[in-house]
Amino acid sequence: MKKEKNLQNKLGECEVQRDDARGLASARERLLIDNVRELNEVYGTLREKMREIEERDERIRALDEVITRANRLSAMGELAASIAHEIKNPLIAIQGFARKIEDSGDPEKIKKYGGYIERESQRLSAVLARLLDFSSMSSPVKERLDINAILDDTILFMEHHLTRFRNVALTVEKAEGLPQVYADRIHIQQALVNIMMNAAQAMPEGGPIIVRTGMRPPDRVWLSVTDAGAGIPPEHMEKIFDPFFTTKDRGQGTGLGLSLTKKLVEANMGAIEVESAPGKGSTFRILLSASGDGGKGQAPRTI
């Protein structure tokens, strides 16, 4: 009898434990359902947020394309305006002197006006030649080059041209043992000529031009041209490579020399640096790769 009673007690305890377990399982199931429902709501909210973000990114990309096109059109408009201005001025002068020749019977005046027409025509031809060089630059034909040999050849060519400027003293300082660079000979010579001419024009009363070569580890060979001119004002530093930007007097420059120089150097995976300050002259430095793959171009740096 006692054993039967104990068994009944045990059975009752088991039923209580079973009911507790069922209650706990039911509570866990409800909690799990609530969690799943909450997760679904969070997932739905996240999907909606992602959709909004994607739509916003798409609008940003579309707006960026519009801004990019607008900037390109603006740049083209500025370039076209600059070209029109550079061509218009000599054309007006030519037309004016041509009318004066037509109205004048004086041989001396006709000769004088004819000289003006010739000079303005030469100026117009220079603008168009620079523009053609800028717009239709040939692709570089790269080869292994000795930068010091390039400098020697360019100096032989430039010595004659520099005699047109007053009191210009040219000094050459070459570093020895430089590795060869991988570039187009004609492009590098043209870039160097442009910079040297720019240096001479920056010194109306004359002064020293120092051309140097050197090495910047690990694989950059450089050519630099230093003048003792007036220097470049800080507000002009960001514009000096822009097409048709020039601080020279009318008729003294087209504003395409440095722009073309930058284009030539970067076409050869090189970089061009500028160091300048008002009253302290300027240094333009061309950096070229001595690595086998031609290296990677660097953005111009102004100091």
Protein backbone atom coordinates (compact mmCIF):
# COMPACT_ATOMS: atom_id res chain seq x y z
CA MET A 1 0.00 0.00 0.00
CA LYS A 2 2.84 2.30 0.92
CA LYS A 3 4.64 1.51 -2.32
CA GLU A 4 1.50 2.22 -4.32
CA LYS A 5 1.15 5.59 -2.59
CA ASN A 6 4.78 6.47 -3.30
CA LEU A 7 4.28 5.50 -6.92
CA GLN A 8 1.23 7.74 -7.16
CA ASN A 9 3.26 10.61 -5.65
CA LYS A 10 6.03 10.08 -8.15
CA LEU A 11 3.48 9.98 -10.93
CA GLY A 12 1.98 13.23 -9.69
CA GLU A 13 5.41 14.86 -9.58
CA CYS A 14 6.10 13.69 -13.13
CA GLU A 15 2.79 15.13 -14.32
CA VAL A 16 3.65 18.45 -12.64
CA GLN A 17 7.10 18.43 -14.28
CA ARG A 18 5.47 17.53 -17.59
CA ASP A 19 3.03 20.41 -17.28
CA ASP A 20 5.88 22.76 -16.33
CA ALA A 21 7.91 21.56 -19.31
CA ARG A 22 4.92 22.04 -21.61
CA GLY A 23 4.41 25.52 -20.22
CA LEU A 24 8.09 26.35 -20.66
CA ALA A 25 8.09 24.94 -24.22
CA SER A 26 4.96 26.92 -25.01
CA ALA A 27 6.54 30.08 -23.62
CA ARG A 28 9.73 29.44 -25.62
CA GLU A 29 7.66 28.83 -28.74
CA ARG A 30 5.78 32.10 -28.25
CA LEU A 31 9.08 33.91 -27.60
CA LEU A 32 10.58 32.35 -30.71
CA ILE A 33 7.55 33.37 -32.79
CA ASP A 34 7.76 36.89 -31.40
CA ASN A 35 11.51 37.00 -32.19
CA VAL A 36 10.95 35.71 -35.72
CA ARG A 37 8.18 38.28 -36.24
CA GLU A 38 10.45 41.03 -34.94
CA LEU A 39 13.31 39.85 -37.14
CA ASN A 40 10.99 39.85 -40.15
CA GLU A 41 9.96 43.39 -39.35
CA VAL A 42 13.61 44.43 -38.96
CA TYR A 43 14.48 42.64 -42.21
CA GLY A 44 11.61 44.41 -43.96
CA THR A 45 12.78 47.76 -42.57
CA LEU A 46 16.37 47.04 -43.67
CA ARG A 47 15.20 46.09 -47.16
CA GLU A 48 13.25 49.32 -47.37
CA LYS A 49 16.27 51.30 -46.17
CA MET A 50 18.52 49.51 -48.69
CA ARG A 51 16.04 50.32 -51.45
CA GLU A 52 16.03 53.96 -50.40
CA ILE A 53 19.83 54.02 -50.28
CA GLU A 54 20.06 52.42 -53.74
CA GLU A 55 17.57 54.95 -55.13
CA ARG A 56 19.53 57.79 -53.53
CA ASP A 57 22.83 56.43 -54.91
CA GLU A 58 21.24 56.20 -58.34
CA ARG A 59 20.08 59.81 -58.08
CA ILE A 60 23.56 60.84 -56.92
CA ARG A 61 25.17 59.02 -59.86
CA ALA A 62 22.74 60.64 -62.27
CA LEU A 63 23.41 64.05 -60.74
CA ASP A 64 27.16 63.42 -60.87
CA GLU A 65 26.90 62.60 -64.58
CA VAL A 66 24.94 65.80 -65.16
CA ILE A 67 27.54 67.83 -63.24
CA THR A 68 30.39 66.12 -65.11
CA ARG A 69 28.77 66.89 -68.47
CA ALA A 70 28.11 70.45 -67.36
CA ASN A 71 31.75 70.86 -66.29
CA ARG A 72 32.95 69.46 -69.60
CA LEU A 73 30.66 71.78 -71.52
CA SER A 74 31.81 74.69 -69.37
CA ALA A 75 35.47 73.78 -69.98
CA MET A 76 34.81 73.46 -73.71
CA GLY A 77 33.05 76.82 -73.66
CA GLU A 78 35.98 78.46 -71.87
CA LEU A 79 38.43 76.83 -74.30
CA ALA A 80 36.38 77.93 -77.30
CA ALA A 81 36.16 81.47 -75.91
CA SER A 82 39.93 81.53 -75.35
CA ILE A 83 40.59 80.25 -78.86
CA ALA A 84 38.21 82.81 -80.33
CA HIS A 85 39.91 85.58 -78.33
CA GLU A 86 43.42 84.51 -79.39
CA ILE A 87 42.42 84.33 -83.05
CA LYS A 88 40.15 87.37 -83.07
CA ASN A 89 42.77 89.88 -81.93
CA PRO A 90 45.32 89.31 -84.74
CA LEU A 91 42.52 89.03 -87.31
CA ILE A 92 41.14 92.43 -86.28
CA ALA A 93 44.63 93.92 -86.50
CA ILE A 94 45.21 92.37 -89.94
CA GLN A 95 41.88 93.71 -91.20
CA GLY A 96 42.59 97.17 -89.82
CA PHE A 97 46.05 97.45 -91.35
CA ALA A 98 44.76 96.03 -94.65
CA ARG A 99 42.18 98.88 -94.82
CA LYS A 100 44.91 101.39 -94.01
CA ILE A 101 47.01 100.06 -96.86
CA GLU A 102 44.02 100.33 -99.18
CA ASP A 103 43.39 103.94 -98.15
CA SER A 104 47.04 105.02 -98.08
CA GLY A 105 49.09 106.05 -101.06
CA ASP A 106 52.26 106.54 -99.03
CA PRO A 107 54.83 103.79 -99.80
CA GLU A 108 56.43 104.16 -96.35
CA LYS A 109 53.12 103.69 -94.58
CA ILE A 110 52.23 100.76 -96.83
CA LYS A 111 55.54 99.12 -95.90
CA LYS A 112 54.94 99.83 -92.21
CA TYR A 113 51.38 98.44 -92.28
CA GLY A 114 52.58 95.43 -94.27
CA GLY A 115 55.09 94.70 -91.51
CA TYR A 116 52.30 94.84 -88.92
CA ILE A 117 50.21 92.46 -90.99
CA GLU A 118 53.12 90.05 -91.31
CA ARG A 119 53.77 90.05 -87.55
CA GLU A 120 50.10 89.53 -86.69
CA SER A 121 49.89 86.74 -89.28
CA GLN A 122 52.89 85.05 -87.70
CA ARG A 123 51.26 85.36 -84.30
CA LEU A 124 48.06 83.82 -85.65
CA SER A 125 50.03 80.99 -87.23
CA ALA A 126 51.79 80.35 -83.90
CA VAL A 127 48.45 80.14 -82.08
CA LEU A 128 47.07 77.67 -84.62
CA ALA A 129 50.26 75.59 -84.62
CA ARG A 130 50.22 75.37 -80.83
CA LEU A 131 46.55 74.45 -80.89
CA LEU A 132 47.19 71.68 -83.43
CA ASP A 133 50.09 70.36 -81.35
CA PHE A 134 47.87 70.34 -78.28
CA SER A 135 44.87 68.65 -79.90
CA SER A 136 46.59 66.09 -82.12
CA MET A 137 49.63 64.99 -80.15
CA SER A 138 50.93 61.68 -81.48
CA SER A 139 51.04 58.61 -79.26
CA PRO A 140 54.43 58.13 -77.60
CA VAL A 141 56.92 55.75 -79.19
CA LYS A 142 58.78 54.62 -76.11
CA GLU A 143 62.35 53.38 -75.95
CA ARG A 144 65.20 53.18 -73.49
CA LEU A 145 66.81 56.62 -73.27
CA ASP A 146 69.81 58.21 -71.55
CA ILE A 147 68.35 61.36 -70.00
CA ASN A 148 71.77 63.10 -69.99
CA ALA A 149 72.13 62.43 -73.73
CA ILE A 150 68.66 63.87 -74.29
CA LEU A 151 69.72 66.96 -72.35
CA ASP A 152 72.94 67.35 -74.37
CA ASP A 153 71.04 67.20 -77.67
CA THR A 154 68.44 69.68 -76.44
CA ILE A 155 71.08 72.15 -75.20
CA LEU A 156 72.78 72.12 -78.63
CA PHE A 157 69.42 73.02 -80.16
CA MET A 158 68.51 75.62 -77.52
CA GLU A 159 71.78 77.55 -77.36
CA HIS A 160 70.96 79.27 -80.64
CA HIS A 161 67.38 80.10 -79.63
CA LEU A 162 68.42 81.50 -76.26
CA THR A 163 70.60 84.11 -77.98
CA ARG A 164 67.34 85.95 -78.77
CA PHE A 165 67.02 86.78 -75.07
CA ARG A 166 69.14 89.35 -73.25
CA ASN A 167 71.81 88.26 -70.79
CA VAL A 168 70.60 84.68 -70.34
CA ALA A 169 73.32 82.50 -68.83
CA LEU A 170 72.80 78.75 -69.19
CA THR A 171 74.31 76.27 -66.71
CA VAL A 172 74.03 72.49 -66.95
CA GLU A 173 74.53 70.15 -63.97
CA LYS A 174 74.25 66.45 -64.82
CA ALA A 175 74.19 63.61 -62.31
CA GLU A 176 76.32 60.64 -63.33
CA GLY A 177 75.31 56.99 -63.43
CA LEU A 178 71.60 57.58 -63.98
CA PRO A 179 69.53 54.60 -65.16
CA GLN A 180 67.83 54.82 -68.52
CA VAL A 181 64.23 55.99 -68.75
CA TYR A 182 61.43 54.50 -70.82
CA ALA A 183 59.89 57.31 -72.87
CA ASP A 184 59.45 58.99 -76.26
CA ARG A 185 62.57 60.97 -77.21
CA ILE A 186 60.73 63.64 -79.22
CA HIS A 187 58.11 64.17 -76.50
CA ILE A 188 60.68 64.66 -73.75
CA GLN A 189 62.81 67.00 -75.87
CA GLN A 190 59.76 69.07 -76.80
CA ALA A 191 58.68 69.28 -73.15
CA LEU A 192 62.19 70.37 -72.11
CA VAL A 193 62.35 72.99 -74.88
CA ASN A 194 58.97 74.41 -73.80
CA ILE A 195 60.10 74.74 -70.18
CA MET A 196 63.45 76.32 -71.10
CA MET A 197 61.77 78.85 -73.38
CA ASN A 198 59.30 79.63 -70.61
CA ALA A 199 62.23 80.17 -68.20
CA ALA A 200 63.94 82.58 -70.59
CA GLN A 201 60.71 84.53 -71.13
CA ALA A 202 60.27 84.80 -67.35
CA MET A 203 63.46 86.94 -67.16
CA PRO A 204 63.03 90.02 -69.41
CA GLU A 205 66.28 91.51 -68.08
CA GLY A 206 68.15 88.22 -68.31
CA GLY A 207 69.50 85.94 -65.65
CA PRO A 208 70.64 82.37 -65.00
CA ILE A 209 68.89 79.24 -66.24
CA ILE A 210 70.12 76.08 -64.52
CA VAL A 211 69.25 72.70 -66.02
CA ARG A 212 69.88 69.67 -63.81
CA THR A 213 69.37 65.91 -63.88
CA GLY A 214 69.11 63.58 -60.93
CA MET A 215 67.56 60.48 -59.37
CA ARG A 216 64.69 60.16 -56.90
CA PRO A 217 64.59 56.70 -55.30
CA PRO A 218 63.39 54.16 -55.98
CA ASP A 219 62.89 54.52 -59.74
CA ARG A 220 62.40 58.13 -60.80
CA VAL A 221 64.87 60.03 -62.97
CA TRP A 222 64.30 63.77 -63.18
CA LEU A 223 65.13 66.79 -65.33
CA SER A 224 64.72 70.25 -63.84
CA VAL A 225 64.88 73.82 -65.18
CA THR A 226 65.37 76.67 -62.71
CA ASP A 227 65.08 80.36 -63.56
CA ALA A 228 65.55 83.57 -61.57
CA GLY A 229 62.38 85.25 -62.79
CA ALA A 230 59.58 86.88 -60.88
CA GLY A 231 58.10 83.57 -59.78
CA ILE A 232 54.50 82.43 -59.90
CA PRO A 233 51.90 84.03 -57.59
CA PRO A 234 50.12 81.49 -55.36
CA GLU A 235 46.74 82.30 -56.94
CA HIS A 236 48.09 81.26 -60.36
CA MET A 237 49.70 77.98 -59.32
CA GLU A 238 46.55 75.93 -59.92
CA LYS A 239 46.04 77.46 -63.38
CA ILE A 240 49.47 77.40 -64.99
CA PHE A 241 48.80 74.12 -66.83
CA ASP A 242 45.36 75.21 -68.07
CA PRO A 243 45.10 75.72 -71.85
CA PHE A 244 45.45 79.39 -72.87
CA PHE A 245 46.22 80.56 -69.34
CA THR A 246 49.12 83.03 -69.46
CA THR A 247 50.42 85.96 -67.46
CA LYS A 248 52.56 87.21 -70.34
CA ASP A 249 51.86 90.41 -72.23
CA ARG A 250 49.70 90.31 -75.30
CA GLY A 251 51.56 88.73 -78.19
CA GLN A 252 54.22 87.21 -75.91
CA GLY A 253 52.62 83.79 -75.45
CA THR A 254 49.62 81.64 -76.36
CA GLY A 255 49.18 79.95 -72.98
CA LEU A 256 49.54 76.50 -74.56
CA GLY A 257 53.23 75.80 -73.85
CA LEU A 258 52.92 74.48 -70.28
CA SER A 259 49.61 72.78 -71.02
CA LEU A 260 51.20 70.90 -73.91
CA THR A 261 54.26 70.13 -71.77
CA LYS A 262 52.11 68.52 -69.08
CA LYS A 263 50.27 66.52 -71.72
CA LEU A 264 53.54 65.29 -73.25
CA VAL A 265 55.01 64.26 -69.89
CA GLU A 266 51.88 62.46 -68.69
CA ALA A 267 51.58 60.64 -72.04
CA ASN A 268 54.92 59.06 -71.12
CA MET A 269 53.66 58.04 -67.64
CA GLY A 270 55.68 60.84 -66.09
CA ALA A 271 54.92 63.69 -63.74
CA ILE A 272 55.76 67.38 -63.63
CA GLU A 273 56.38 69.33 -60.43
CA VAL A 274 56.58 73.05 -59.83
CA GLU A 275 58.38 74.94 -57.09
CA SER A 276 57.92 78.69 -57.16
CA ALA A 277 57.43 81.76 -55.03
CA PRO A 278 57.03 85.43 -56.00
CA GLY A 279 60.42 87.07 -56.37
CA LYS A 280 62.34 83.80 -56.04
CA GLY A 281 62.11 82.28 -59.50
CA SER A 282 60.68 78.92 -60.48
CA THR A 283 61.79 75.33 -60.88
CA PHE A 284 59.97 72.94 -63.20
CA ARG A 285 60.88 69.29 -62.74
CA ILE A 286 60.05 66.43 -65.12
CA LEU A 287 60.04 62.97 -63.51
CA LEU A 288 60.25 59.83 -65.65
CA SER A 289 60.23 56.17 -64.77
CA ALA A 290 63.33 54.01 -64.95
CA SER A 291 61.30 50.82 -64.31
CA GLY A 292 60.63 48.27 -67.01
CA ASP A 293 56.86 48.82 -67.19
CA GLY A 294 57.07 52.57 -67.63
CA GLY A 295 55.84 53.30 -64.13
CA LYS A 296 52.65 55.09 -63.20
CA GLY A 297 51.91 58.76 -63.71
CA GLN A 298 51.71 61.04 -60.70
CA ALA A 299 49.56 64.08 -60.32
CA PRO A 300 51.34 67.42 -60.67
CA ARG A 301 52.46 68.89 -57.36
CA THR A 302 52.82 72.56 -56.62
CA ILE A 303 54.86 73.86 -53.70
